[in-house]
Structures are given as C-alpha cells and as structure tokens.
C-alpha cells in the first residue's frame, strides 16, 4: 500500500510540475491543482496509513494511542483542500480577466509563433 501511495504522490507532483511549466494559464492552474493533491496525499500519509481506526479518542477508560489514527494530518488536509478550492477559484477569475484584457491565454500575454 505504501508503494502505491508513494507512486501516486510522485505521479501527481511530477505531472503538476510539468503542467506548471507550460505556457497556457489553464494548464498552469491544472498543474497547481495536481501539486496540491500530491502535497495533500503526502501530508495525509504522514499520519500513518490506518484502516478502521478512529481519529477521535473516547472519554474515560485507558487510552492506547496505537489504536487511534492521528487526527492532526487529517485536519491539515481538510484545511488545505478548502484553501486550494479558494485559490483555484481566484486563479480562474484572474485567468478570465487576463484573457478578456489581452485576448490570449498565454502566461505572459503574448502569442509566440
């Protein structure tokens, strides 16, 4: 399972970097989204990969931390997802305004022939 997750993180980050380096703004936005997904998976994996483990400890009784998942990476990823949605929306608005003003979606506003 760790190999599959590491491969997925690597593919997402590599694809994101490749798309960020493209000349079109839509490709840059998709690349930033892929990068954020890769980073979110990496942060989520830092809390260890658990199956059927609760992130919240119950009140009372002895607490065995090995029986619970770490809730901090899950909270960080949830926050990062919300922030990435807002950032993507902002980028889309800026891209649309730039396209309207310059008439092209090239990142520097100039078409190269």
PDB file of N, CA and C in Angstrom:
ATOM      1  N   UNK A   1       0.819  -1.192   0.000  1.00  0.00           N
ATOM      2  CA  UNK A   1       0.000   0.000   0.000  1.00  0.00           C
ATOM      3  C   UNK A   1       0.865   1.258   0.000  1.00  0.00           C
ATOM      4  N   UNK A   2       2.000   1.202   0.699  1.00  0.00           N
ATOM      5  CA  UNK A   2       2.880   2.365   0.741  1.00  0.00           C
ATOM      6  C   UNK A   2       3.492   2.652  -0.618  1.00  0.00           C
ATOM      7  N   UNK A   3       3.812   1.582  -1.375  1.00  0.00           N
ATOM      8  CA  UNK A   3       4.406   1.765  -2.697  1.00  0.00           C
ATOM      9  C   UNK A   3       3.399   2.420  -3.639  1.00  0.00           C
ATOM     10  N   UNK A   4       2.162   1.997  -3.569  1.00  0.00           N
ATOM     11  CA  UNK A   4       1.115   2.581  -4.425  1.00  0.00           C
ATOM     12  C   UNK A   4       0.910   4.053  -4.075  1.00  0.00           C
ATOM     13  N   UNK A   5       0.868   4.372  -2.775  1.00  0.00           N
ATOM     14  CA  UNK A   5       0.680   5.758  -2.357  1.00  0.00           C
ATOM     15  C   UNK A   5       1.875   6.622  -2.765  1.00  0.00           C
ATOM     16  N   UNK A   6       3.093   6.109  -2.567  1.00  0.00           N
ATOM     17  CA  UNK A   6       4.280   6.872  -2.963  1.00  0.00           C
ATOM     18  C   UNK A   6       4.317   7.096  -4.471  1.00  0.00           C
ATOM     19  N   UNK A   7       3.916   6.086  -5.233  1.00  0.00           N
ATOM     20  CA  UNK A   7       3.866   6.235  -6.688  1.00  0.00           C
ATOM     21  C   UNK A   7       2.818   7.271  -7.093  1.00  0.00           C
ATOM     22  N   UNK A   8       1.675   7.241  -6.452  1.00  0.00           N
ATOM     23  CA  UNK A   8       0.620   8.215  -6.759  1.00  0.00           C
ATOM     24  C   UNK A   8       1.077   9.637  -6.438  1.00  0.00           C
ATOM     25  N   UNK A   9       1.742   9.804  -5.289  1.00  0.00           N
ATOM     26  CA  UNK A   9       2.252  11.130  -4.924  1.00  0.00           C
ATOM     27  C   UNK A   9       3.281  11.597  -5.956  1.00  0.00           C
ATOM     28  N   UNK A  10       4.182  10.705  -6.347  1.00  0.00           N
ATOM     29  CA  UNK A  10       5.203  11.060  -7.328  1.00  0.00           C
ATOM     30  C   UNK A  10       4.615  11.432  -8.682  1.00  0.00           C
ATOM     31  N   UNK A  11       3.629  10.665  -9.129  1.00  0.00           N
ATOM     32  CA  UNK A  11       2.999  10.961 -10.423  1.00  0.00           C
ATOM     33  C   UNK A  11       2.259  12.291 -10.372  1.00  0.00           C
ATOM     34  N   UNK A  12       1.529  12.539  -9.276  1.00  0.00           N
ATOM     35  CA  UNK A  12       0.797  13.799  -9.150  1.00  0.00           C
ATOM     36  C   UNK A  12       1.741  14.995  -9.136  1.00  0.00           C
ATOM     37  N   UNK A  13       2.813  14.899  -8.360  1.00  0.00           N
ATOM     38  CA  UNK A  13       3.746  16.025  -8.263  1.00  0.00           C
ATOM     39  C   UNK A  13       4.490  16.224  -9.588  1.00  0.00           C
ATOM     40  N   UNK A  14       4.923  15.136 -10.213  1.00  0.00           N
ATOM     41  CA  UNK A  14       5.630  15.271 -11.492  1.00  0.00           C
ATOM     42  C   UNK A  14       4.719  15.860 -12.568  1.00  0.00           C
ATOM     43  N   UNK A  15       3.475  15.380 -12.624  1.00  0.00           N
ATOM     44  CA  UNK A  15       2.533  15.930 -13.605  1.00  0.00           C
ATOM     45  C   UNK A  15       2.228  17.393 -13.304  1.00  0.00           C
ATOM     46  N   UNK A  16       2.111  17.721 -12.022  1.00  0.00           N
ATOM     47  CA  UNK A  16       1.840  19.107 -11.647  1.00  0.00           C
ATOM     48  C   UNK A  16       2.976  20.038 -12.017  1.00  0.00           C
ATOM     49  N   UNK A  17       4.199  19.619 -11.770  1.00  0.00           N
ATOM     50  CA  UNK A  17       5.350  20.462 -12.121  1.00  0.00           C
ATOM     51  C   UNK A  17       5.436  20.627 -13.631  1.00  0.00           C
ATOM     52  N   UNK A  18       5.216  19.531 -14.369  1.00  0.00           N
ATOM     53  CA  UNK A  18       5.263  19.621 -15.836  1.00  0.00           C
ATOM     54  C   UNK A  18       4.201  20.588 -16.354  1.00  0.00           C
ATOM     55  N   UNK A  19       2.993  20.522 -15.791  1.00  0.00           N
ATOM     56  CA  UNK A  19       1.931  21.417 -16.256  1.00  0.00           C
ATOM     57  C   UNK A  19       2.161  22.859 -15.828  1.00  0.00           C
ATOM     58  N   UNK A  20       2.749  23.084 -14.654  1.00  0.00           N
ATOM     59  CA  UNK A  20       3.031  24.458 -14.217  1.00  0.00           C
ATOM     60  C   UNK A  20       4.022  25.132 -15.162  1.00  0.00           C
ATOM     61  N   UNK A  21       4.898  24.363 -15.754  1.00  0.00           N
ATOM     62  CA  UNK A  21       5.903  24.925 -16.654  1.00  0.00           C
ATOM     63  C   UNK A  21       5.383  25.126 -18.079  1.00  0.00           C
ATOM     64  N   UNK A  22       4.107  24.820 -18.342  1.00  0.00           N
ATOM     65  CA  UNK A  22       3.510  25.001 -19.669  1.00  0.00           C
ATOM     66  C   UNK A  22       3.172  26.475 -19.890  1.00  0.00           C
ATOM     67  N   UNK A  23       3.017  26.911 -21.161  1.00  0.00           N
ATOM     68  CA  UNK A  23       2.808  28.336 -21.423  1.00  0.00           C
ATOM     69  C   UNK A  23       1.370  28.823 -21.285  1.00  0.00           C
ATOM     70  N   UNK A  24       0.385  27.950 -21.165  1.00  0.00           N
ATOM     71  CA  UNK A  24      -1.021  28.363 -21.107  1.00  0.00           C
ATOM     72  C   UNK A  24      -1.503  28.424 -19.660  1.00  0.00           C
ATOM     73  N   UNK A  25      -2.333  29.421 -19.375  1.00  0.00           N
ATOM     74  CA  UNK A  25      -2.761  29.626 -17.984  1.00  0.00           C
ATOM     75  C   UNK A  25      -3.635  28.489 -17.475  1.00  0.00           C
ATOM     76  N   UNK A  26      -4.489  27.919 -18.313  1.00  0.00           N
ATOM     77  CA  UNK A  26      -5.324  26.803 -17.851  1.00  0.00           C
ATOM     78  C   UNK A  26      -4.465  25.613 -17.449  1.00  0.00           C
ATOM     79  N   UNK A  27      -3.419  25.343 -18.219  1.00  0.00           N
ATOM     80  CA  UNK A  27      -2.513  24.250 -17.871  1.00  0.00           C
ATOM     81  C   UNK A  27      -1.792  24.526 -16.555  1.00  0.00           C
ATOM     82  N   UNK A  28      -1.450  25.787 -16.310  1.00  0.00           N
ATOM     83  CA  UNK A  28      -0.792  26.154 -15.059  1.00  0.00           C
ATOM     84  C   UNK A  28      -1.745  25.923 -13.882  1.00  0.00           C
ATOM     85  N   UNK A  29      -3.014  26.271 -14.053  1.00  0.00           N
ATOM     86  CA  UNK A  29      -3.992  26.081 -12.976  1.00  0.00           C
ATOM     87  C   UNK A  29      -4.197  24.598 -12.686  1.00  0.00           C
ATOM     88  N   UNK A  30      -4.316  23.791 -13.731  1.00  0.00           N
ATOM     89  CA  UNK A  30      -4.463  22.348 -13.527  1.00  0.00           C
ATOM     90  C   UNK A  30      -3.202  21.788 -12.859  1.00  0.00           C
ATOM     91  N   UNK A  31      -2.036  22.279 -13.230  1.00  0.00           N
ATOM     92  CA  UNK A  31      -0.793  21.838 -12.593  1.00  0.00           C
ATOM     93  C   UNK A  31      -0.754  22.181 -11.119  1.00  0.00           C
ATOM     94  N   UNK A  32      -1.222  23.373 -10.767  1.00  0.00           N
ATOM     95  CA  UNK A  32      -1.266  23.748  -9.352  1.00  0.00           C
ATOM     96  C   UNK A  32      -2.239  22.861  -8.577  1.00  0.00           C
ATOM     97  N   UNK A  33      -3.345  22.499  -9.197  1.00  0.00           N
ATOM     98  CA  UNK A  33      -4.298  21.593  -8.546  1.00  0.00           C
ATOM     99  C   UNK A  33      -3.659  20.219  -8.303  1.00  0.00           C
ATOM    100  N   UNK A  34      -2.960  19.705  -9.319  1.00  0.00           N
ATOM    101  CA  UNK A  34      -2.309  18.399  -9.156  1.00  0.00           C
ATOM    102  C   UNK A  34      -1.230  18.450  -8.084  1.00  0.00           C
ATOM    103  N   UNK A  35      -0.485  19.557  -8.040  1.00  0.00           N
ATOM    104  CA  UNK A  35       0.519  19.715  -6.986  1.00  0.00           C
ATOM    105  C   UNK A  35      -0.127  19.716  -5.608  1.00  0.00           C
ATOM    106  N   UNK A  36      -1.242  20.407  -5.477  1.00  0.00           N
ATOM    107  CA  UNK A  36      -1.900  20.453  -4.167  1.00  0.00           C
ATOM    108  C   UNK A  36      -2.427  19.076  -3.778  1.00  0.00           C
ATOM    109  N   UNK A  37      -2.937  18.313  -4.749  1.00  0.00           N
ATOM    110  CA  UNK A  37      -3.387  16.956  -4.440  1.00  0.00           C
ATOM    111  C   UNK A  37      -2.217  16.084  -3.976  1.00  0.00           C
ATOM    112  N   UNK A  38      -1.082  16.206  -4.642  1.00  0.00           N
ATOM    113  CA  UNK A  38       0.096  15.438  -4.240  1.00  0.00           C
ATOM    114  C   UNK A  38       0.571  15.798  -2.847  1.00  0.00           C
ATOM    115  N   UNK A  39       0.588  17.088  -2.540  1.00  0.00           N
ATOM    116  CA  UNK A  39       1.017  17.524  -1.211  1.00  0.00           C
ATOM    117  C   UNK A  39       0.003  17.074  -0.155  1.00  0.00           C
ATOM    118  N   UNK A  40      -1.289  17.135  -0.478  1.00  0.00           N
ATOM    119  CA  UNK A  40      -2.305  16.672   0.472  1.00  0.00           C
ATOM    120  C   UNK A  40      -2.146  15.180   0.770  1.00  0.00           C
ATOM    121  N   UNK A  41      -1.899  14.388  -0.253  1.00  0.00           N
ATOM    122  CA  UNK A  41      -1.678  12.956  -0.024  1.00  0.00           C
ATOM    123  C   UNK A  41      -0.437  12.727   0.829  1.00  0.00           C
ATOM    124  N   UNK A  42       0.613  13.524   0.586  1.00  0.00           N
ATOM    125  CA  UNK A  42       1.839  13.386   1.373  1.00  0.00           C
ATOM    126  C   UNK A  42       1.577  13.715   2.844  1.00  0.00           C
ATOM    127  N   UNK A  43       0.867  14.812   3.095  1.00  0.00           N
ATOM    128  CA  UNK A  43       0.555  15.180   4.482  1.00  0.00           C
ATOM    129  C   UNK A  43      -0.326  14.120   5.127  1.00  0.00           C
ATOM    130  N   UNK A  44      -1.305  13.619   4.376  1.00  0.00           N
ATOM    131  CA  UNK A  44      -2.189  12.583   4.909  1.00  0.00           C
ATOM    132  C   UNK A  44      -1.406  11.318   5.252  1.00  0.00           C
ATOM    133  N   UNK A  45      -0.432  10.972   4.443  1.00  0.00           N
ATOM    134  CA  UNK A  45       0.365   9.779   4.702  1.00  0.00           C
ATOM    135  C   UNK A  45       1.285   9.952   5.907  1.00  0.00           C
ATOM    136  N   UNK A  46       1.581  11.195   6.286  1.00  0.00           N
ATOM    137  CA  UNK A  46       2.438  11.426   7.448  1.00  0.00           C
ATOM    138  C   UNK A  46       1.760  10.960   8.739  1.00  0.00           C
ATOM    139  N   UNK A  47       0.450  10.874   8.744  1.00  0.00           N
ATOM    140  CA  UNK A  47      -0.268  10.407   9.934  1.00  0.00           C
ATOM    141  C   UNK A  47      -0.373   8.891   9.996  1.00  0.00           C
ATOM    142  N   UNK A  48       0.368   8.198   9.225  1.00  0.00           N
ATOM    143  CA  UNK A  48       0.368   6.754   9.092  1.00  0.00           C
ATOM    144  C   UNK A  48      -0.894   6.285   8.389  1.00  0.00           C
ATOM    145  N   UNK A  49      -0.774   5.196   7.707  1.00  0.00           N
ATOM    146  CA  UNK A  49      -1.903   4.637   6.966  1.00  0.00           C
ATOM    147  C   UNK A  49      -2.613   3.624   7.842  1.00  0.00           C
ATOM    148  N   UNK A  50      -3.796   3.963   8.279  1.00  0.00           N
ATOM    149  CA  UNK A  50      -4.603   3.098   9.128  1.00  0.00           C
ATOM    150  C   UNK A  50      -5.870   2.706   8.395  1.00  0.00           C
ATOM    151  N   UNK A  51      -6.323   1.518   8.688  1.00  0.00           N
ATOM    152  CA  UNK A  51      -7.624   1.073   8.191  1.00  0.00           C
ATOM    153  C   UNK A  51      -8.483   0.739   9.400  1.00  0.00           C
ATOM    154  N   UNK A  52      -9.690   1.275   9.437  1.00  0.00           N
ATOM    155  CA  UNK A  52     -10.659   1.033  10.515  1.00  0.00           C
ATOM    156  C   UNK A  52     -10.165   1.509  11.871  1.00  0.00           C
ATOM    157  N   UNK A  53      -9.450   2.628  11.917  1.00  0.00           N
ATOM    158  CA  UNK A  53      -9.017   3.222  13.184  1.00  0.00           C
ATOM    159  C   UNK A  53      -9.698   4.575  13.322  1.00  0.00           C
ATOM    160  N   UNK A  54     -10.245   4.836  14.493  1.00  0.00           N
ATOM    161  CA  UNK A  54     -10.945   6.090  14.737  1.00  0.00           C
ATOM    162  C   UNK A  54      -9.945   7.207  15.008  1.00  0.00           C
ATOM    163  N   UNK A  55     -10.192   8.447  14.498  1.00  0.00           N
ATOM    164  CA  UNK A  55      -9.281   9.554  14.782  1.00  0.00           C
ATOM    165  C   UNK A  55      -9.583  10.237  16.101  1.00  0.00           C
ATOM    166  N   UNK A  56     -10.690   9.892  16.737  1.00  0.00           N
ATOM    167  CA  UNK A  56     -11.087  10.554  17.982  1.00  0.00           C
ATOM    168  C   UNK A  56     -11.067   9.531  19.108  1.00  0.00           C
ATOM    169  N   UNK A  57     -10.413   9.905  20.233  1.00  0.00           N
ATOM    170  CA  UNK A  57     -10.335   9.015  21.389  1.00  0.00           C
ATOM    171  C   UNK A  57     -11.591   9.181  22.239  1.00  0.00           C
ATOM    172  N   UNK A  58     -12.053   8.102  22.799  1.00  0.00           N
ATOM    173  CA  UNK A  58     -13.253   8.156  23.633  1.00  0.00           C
ATOM    174  C   UNK A  58     -12.922   8.674  25.022  1.00  0.00           C
ATOM    175  N   UNK A  59     -13.942   9.208  25.711  1.00  0.00           N
ATOM    176  CA  UNK A  59     -13.754   9.698  27.075  1.00  0.00           C
ATOM    177  C   UNK A  59     -13.671   8.528  28.037  1.00  0.00           C
ATOM    178  N   UNK A  60     -12.856   8.723  29.069  1.00  0.00           N
ATOM    179  CA  UNK A  60     -12.766   7.717  30.121  1.00  0.00           C
ATOM    180  C   UNK A  60     -12.049   6.463  29.654  1.00  0.00           C
ATOM    181  N   UNK A  61     -11.656   5.676  30.612  1.00  0.00           N
ATOM    182  CA  UNK A  61     -11.013   4.413  30.309  1.00  0.00           C
ATOM    183  C   UNK A  61      -9.579   4.597  29.868  1.00  0.00           C
ATOM    184  N   UNK A  62      -8.822   3.538  29.806  1.00  0.00           N
ATOM    185  CA  UNK A  62      -7.425   3.644  29.357  1.00  0.00           C
ATOM    186  C   UNK A  62      -7.352   3.965  27.875  1.00  0.00           C
ATOM    187  N   UNK A  63      -6.391   4.795  27.543  1.00  0.00           N
ATOM    188  CA  UNK A  63      -6.209   5.214  26.154  1.00  0.00           C
ATOM    189  C   UNK A  63      -4.930   4.594  25.626  1.00  0.00           C
ATOM    190  N   UNK A  64      -5.070   3.816  24.581  1.00  0.00           N
ATOM    191  CA  UNK A  64      -3.927   3.220  23.898  1.00  0.00           C
ATOM    192  C   UNK A  64      -3.736   3.959  22.572  1.00  0.00           C
ATOM    193  N   UNK A  65      -2.716   4.840  22.464  1.00  0.00           N
ATOM    194  CA  UNK A  65      -2.576   5.638  21.239  1.00  0.00           C
ATOM    195  C   UNK A  65      -2.317   4.812  19.992  1.00  0.00           C
ATOM    196  N   UNK A  66      -1.916   3.569  20.141  1.00  0.00           N
ATOM    197  CA  UNK A  66      -1.676   2.752  18.948  1.00  0.00           C
ATOM    198  C   UNK A  66      -2.975   2.309  18.291  1.00  0.00           C
ATOM    199  N   UNK A  67      -4.089   2.481  18.985  1.00  0.00           N
ATOM    200  CA  UNK A  67      -5.383   2.063  18.448  1.00  0.00           C
ATOM    201  C   UNK A  67      -6.124   3.194  17.744  1.00  0.00           C
ATOM    202  N   UNK A  68      -5.504   4.386  17.672  1.00  0.00           N
ATOM    203  CA  UNK A  68      -6.182   5.517  17.076  1.00  0.00           C
ATOM    204  C   UNK A  68      -5.309   6.136  15.993  1.00  0.00           C
ATOM    205  N   UNK A  69      -5.965   6.675  14.977  1.00  0.00           N
ATOM    206  CA  UNK A  69      -5.262   7.392  13.916  1.00  0.00           C
ATOM    207  C   UNK A  69      -4.948   8.803  14.410  1.00  0.00           C
ATOM    208  N   UNK A  70      -3.907   9.398  13.854  1.00  0.00           N
ATOM    209  CA  UNK A  70      -3.532  10.763  14.221  1.00  0.00           C
ATOM    210  C   UNK A  70      -4.481  11.743  13.525  1.00  0.00           C
ATOM    211  N   UNK A  71      -5.241  12.549  14.269  1.00  0.00           N
ATOM    212  CA  UNK A  71      -6.206  13.450  13.628  1.00  0.00           C
ATOM    213  C   UNK A  71      -5.586  14.722  13.066  1.00  0.00           C
ATOM    214  N   UNK A  72      -4.355  15.063  13.451  1.00  0.00           N
ATOM    215  CA  UNK A  72      -3.747  16.327  13.004  1.00  0.00           C
ATOM    216  C   UNK A  72      -3.539  16.351  11.484  1.00  0.00           C
ATOM    217  N   UNK A  73      -2.957  15.319  10.859  1.00  0.00           N
ATOM    218  CA  UNK A  73      -2.819  15.362   9.396  1.00  0.00           C
ATOM    219  C   UNK A  73      -4.166  15.405   8.686  1.00  0.00           C
ATOM    220  N   UNK A  74      -5.175  14.738   9.234  1.00  0.00           N
ATOM    221  CA  UNK A  74      -6.494  14.785   8.605  1.00  0.00           C
ATOM    222  C   UNK A  74      -7.064  16.196   8.656  1.00  0.00           C
ATOM    223  N   UNK A  75      -6.876  16.888   9.789  1.00  0.00           N
ATOM    224  CA  UNK A  75      -7.357  18.263   9.901  1.00  0.00           C
ATOM    225  C   UNK A  75      -6.575  19.194   8.975  1.00  0.00           C
ATOM    226  N   UNK A  76      -5.271  18.974   8.867  1.00  0.00           N
ATOM    227  CA  UNK A  76      -4.455  19.797   7.970  1.00  0.00           C
ATOM    228  C   UNK A  76      -4.871  19.613   6.515  1.00  0.00           C
ATOM    229  N   UNK A  77      -5.130  18.376   6.117  1.00  0.00           N
ATOM    230  CA  UNK A  77      -5.526  18.110   4.733  1.00  0.00           C
ATOM    231  C   UNK A  77      -6.896  18.712   4.453  1.00  0.00           C
ATOM    232  N   UNK A  78      -7.807  18.615   5.399  1.00  0.00           N
ATOM    233  CA  UNK A  78      -9.125  19.214   5.200  1.00  0.00           C
ATOM    234  C   UNK A  78      -9.014  20.728   5.020  1.00  0.00           C
ATOM    235  N   UNK A  79      -8.182  21.362   5.823  1.00  0.00           N
ATOM    236  CA  UNK A  79      -7.963  22.800   5.689  1.00  0.00           C
ATOM    237  C   UNK A  79      -7.296  23.124   4.354  1.00  0.00           C
ATOM    238  N   UNK A  80      -6.340  22.315   3.956  1.00  0.00           N
ATOM    239  CA  UNK A  80      -5.638  22.555   2.695  1.00  0.00           C
ATOM    240  C   UNK A  80      -6.576  22.392   1.499  1.00  0.00           C
ATOM    241  N   UNK A  81      -7.517  21.464   1.579  1.00  0.00           N
ATOM    242  CA  UNK A  81      -8.478  21.280   0.484  1.00  0.00           C
ATOM    243  C   UNK A  81      -9.333  22.533   0.329  1.00  0.00           C
ATOM    244  N   UNK A  82      -9.802  23.087   1.434  1.00  0.00           N
ATOM    245  CA  UNK A  82     -10.627  24.294   1.377  1.00  0.00           C
ATOM    246  C   UNK A  82      -9.819  25.459   0.802  1.00  0.00           C
ATOM    247  N   UNK A  83      -8.595  25.614   1.260  1.00  0.00           N
ATOM    248  CA  UNK A  83      -7.751  26.710   0.776  1.00  0.00           C
ATOM    249  C   UNK A  83      -7.444  26.529  -0.706  1.00  0.00           C
ATOM    250  N   UNK A  84      -7.204  25.300  -1.143  1.00  0.00           N
ATOM    251  CA  UNK A  84      -6.899  25.085  -2.566  1.00  0.00           C
ATOM    252  C   UNK A  84      -8.119  25.360  -3.443  1.00  0.00           C
ATOM    253  N   UNK A  85      -9.330  25.057  -2.966  1.00  0.00           N
ATOM    254  CA  UNK A  85     -10.532  25.414  -3.736  1.00  0.00           C
ATOM    255  C   UNK A  85     -10.630  26.922  -3.896  1.00  0.00           C
ATOM    256  N   UNK A  86     -10.400  27.658  -2.824  1.00  0.00           N
ATOM    257  CA  UNK A  86     -10.477  29.119  -2.894  1.00  0.00           C
ATOM    258  C   UNK A  86      -9.394  29.681  -3.809  1.00  0.00           C
ATOM    259  N   UNK A  87      -8.201  29.146  -3.720  1.00  0.00           N
ATOM    260  CA  UNK A  87      -7.102  29.612  -4.562  1.00  0.00           C
ATOM    261  C   UNK A  87      -7.378  29.310  -6.037  1.00  0.00           C
ATOM    262  N   UNK A  88      -7.929  28.135  -6.315  1.00  0.00           N
ATOM    263  CA  UNK A  88      -8.256  27.783  -7.693  1.00  0.00           C
ATOM    264  C   UNK A  88      -9.328  28.712  -8.250  1.00  0.00           C
ATOM    265  N   UNK A  89     -10.328  29.027  -7.439  1.00  0.00           N
ATOM    266  CA  UNK A  89     -11.370  29.956  -7.890  1.00  0.00           C
ATOM    267  C   UNK A  89     -10.771  31.325  -8.187  1.00  0.00           C
ATOM    268  N   UNK A  90      -9.874  31.798  -7.326  1.00  0.00           N
ATOM    269  CA  UNK A  90      -9.218  33.082  -7.563  1.00  0.00           C
ATOM    270  C   UNK A  90      -8.394  33.049  -8.848  1.00  0.00           C
ATOM    271  N   UNK A  91      -7.646  31.965  -9.068  1.00  0.00           N
ATOM    272  CA  UNK A  91      -6.846  31.840 -10.288  1.00  0.00           C
ATOM    273  C   UNK A  91      -7.728  31.828 -11.531  1.00  0.00           C
ATOM    274  N   UNK A  92      -8.877  31.147 -11.456  1.00  0.00           N
ATOM    275  CA  UNK A  92      -9.769  31.103 -12.613  1.00  0.00           C
ATOM    276  C   UNK A  92     -10.304  32.493 -12.943  1.00  0.00           C
ATOM    277  N   UNK A  93     -10.650  33.275 -11.922  1.00  0.00           N
ATOM    278  CA  UNK A  93     -11.143  34.630 -12.159  1.00  0.00           C
ATOM    279  C   UNK A  93     -10.037  35.489 -12.774  1.00  0.00           C
ATOM    280  N   UNK A  94      -8.832  35.389 -12.245  1.00  0.00           N
ATOM    281  CA  UNK A  94      -7.716  36.159 -12.786  1.00  0.00           C
ATOM    282  C   UNK A  94      -7.429  35.733 -14.224  1.00  0.00           C
ATOM    283  N   UNK A  95      -7.522  34.437 -14.502  1.00  0.00           N
ATOM    284  CA  UNK A  95      -7.288  33.942 -15.857  1.00  0.00           C
ATOM    285  C   UNK A  95      -8.335  34.493 -16.823  1.00  0.00           C
ATOM    286  N   UNK A  96      -9.592  34.496 -16.395  1.00  0.00           N
ATOM    287  CA  UNK A  96     -10.649  35.007 -17.268  1.00  0.00           C
ATOM    288  C   UNK A  96     -10.477  36.500 -17.523  1.00  0.00           C
ATOM    289  N   UNK A  97     -10.105  37.274 -16.516  1.00  0.00           N
ATOM    290  CA  UNK A  97      -9.883  38.713 -16.698  1.00  0.00           C
ATOM    291  C   UNK A  97      -8.691  38.945 -17.612  1.00  0.00           C
ATOM    292  N   UNK A  98      -7.630  38.192 -17.416  1.00  0.00           N
ATOM    293  CA  UNK A  98      -6.450  38.331 -18.262  1.00  0.00           C
ATOM    294  C   UNK A  98      -6.777  37.977 -19.713  1.00  0.00           C
ATOM    295  N   UNK A  99      -7.558  36.934 -19.897  1.00  0.00           N
ATOM    296  CA  UNK A  99      -7.970  36.536 -21.260  1.00  0.00           C
ATOM    297  C   UNK A  99      -8.814  37.638 -21.902  1.00  0.00           C
ATOM    298  N   UNK A 100      -9.687  38.265 -21.106  1.00  0.00           N
ATOM    299  CA  UNK A 100     -10.520  39.338 -21.641  1.00  0.00           C
ATOM    300  C   UNK A 100      -9.716  40.577 -21.994  1.00  0.00           C
ATOM    301  N   UNK A 101      -8.695  40.881 -21.211  1.00  0.00           N
ATOM    302  CA  UNK A 101      -7.902  42.085 -21.455  1.00  0.00           C
ATOM    303  C   UNK A 101      -6.889  41.906 -22.574  1.00  0.00           C
ATOM    304  N   UNK A 102      -6.258  40.735 -22.628  1.00  0.00           N
ATOM    305  CA  UNK A 102      -5.190  40.544 -23.605  1.00  0.00           C
ATOM    306  C   UNK A 102      -5.651  39.778 -24.844  1.00  0.00           C
ATOM    307  N   UNK A 103      -6.723  39.018 -24.746  1.00  0.00           N
ATOM    308  CA  UNK A 103      -7.202  38.241 -25.880  1.00  0.00           C
ATOM    309  C   UNK A 103      -6.455  36.938 -26.087  1.00  0.00           C
ATOM    310  N   UNK A 104      -5.606  36.565 -25.157  1.00  0.00           N
ATOM    311  CA  UNK A 104      -4.870  35.308 -25.258  1.00  0.00           C
ATOM    312  C   UNK A 104      -4.765  34.697 -23.862  1.00  0.00           C
ATOM    313  N   UNK A 105      -4.527  33.390 -23.818  1.00  0.00           N
ATOM    314  CA  UNK A 105      -4.358  32.732 -22.525  1.00  0.00           C
ATOM    315  C   UNK A 105      -2.900  32.346 -22.272  1.00  0.00           C
ATOM    316  N   UNK A 106      -1.996  32.966 -23.016  1.00  0.00           N
ATOM    317  CA  UNK A 106      -0.575  32.727 -22.793  1.00  0.00           C
ATOM    318  C   UNK A 106      -0.167  33.390 -21.480  1.00  0.00           C
ATOM    319  N   UNK A 107       0.746  32.809 -20.734  1.00  0.00           N
ATOM    320  CA  UNK A 107       1.061  33.310 -19.395  1.00  0.00           C
ATOM    321  C   UNK A 107       1.649  34.716 -19.395  1.00  0.00           C
ATOM    322  N   UNK A 108       2.372  35.089 -20.452  1.00  0.00           N
ATOM    323  CA  UNK A 108       2.904  36.449 -20.487  1.00  0.00           C
ATOM    324  C   UNK A 108       2.068  37.367 -21.373  1.00  0.00           C
ATOM    325  N   UNK A 109       0.941  36.891 -21.881  1.00  0.00           N
ATOM    326  CA  UNK A 109       0.041  37.713 -22.678  1.00  0.00           C
ATOM    327  C   UNK A 109       0.450  37.887 -24.113  1.00  0.00           C
ATOM    328  N   UNK A 110       1.495  37.221 -24.550  1.00  0.00           N
ATOM    329  CA  UNK A 110       1.970  37.338 -25.932  1.00  0.00           C
ATOM    330  C   UNK A 110       1.974  35.963 -26.570  1.00  0.00           C
ATOM    331  N   UNK A 111       1.454  35.886 -27.753  1.00  0.00           N
ATOM    332  CA  UNK A 111       1.485  34.633 -28.501  1.00  0.00           C
ATOM    333  C   UNK A 111       2.816  34.524 -29.224  1.00  0.00           C
ATOM    334  N   UNK A 112       3.444  33.383 -29.141  1.00  0.00           N
ATOM    335  CA  UNK A 112       4.670  33.153 -29.890  1.00  0.00           C
ATOM    336  C   UNK A 112       4.336  32.291 -31.082  1.00  0.00           C
ATOM    337  N   UNK A 113       4.828  32.666 -32.224  1.00  0.00           N
ATOM    338  CA  UNK A 113       4.538  31.908 -33.438  1.00  0.00           C
ATOM    339  C   UNK A 113       5.664  31.005 -33.807  1.00  0.00           C
TER     340      UNK A 113
END
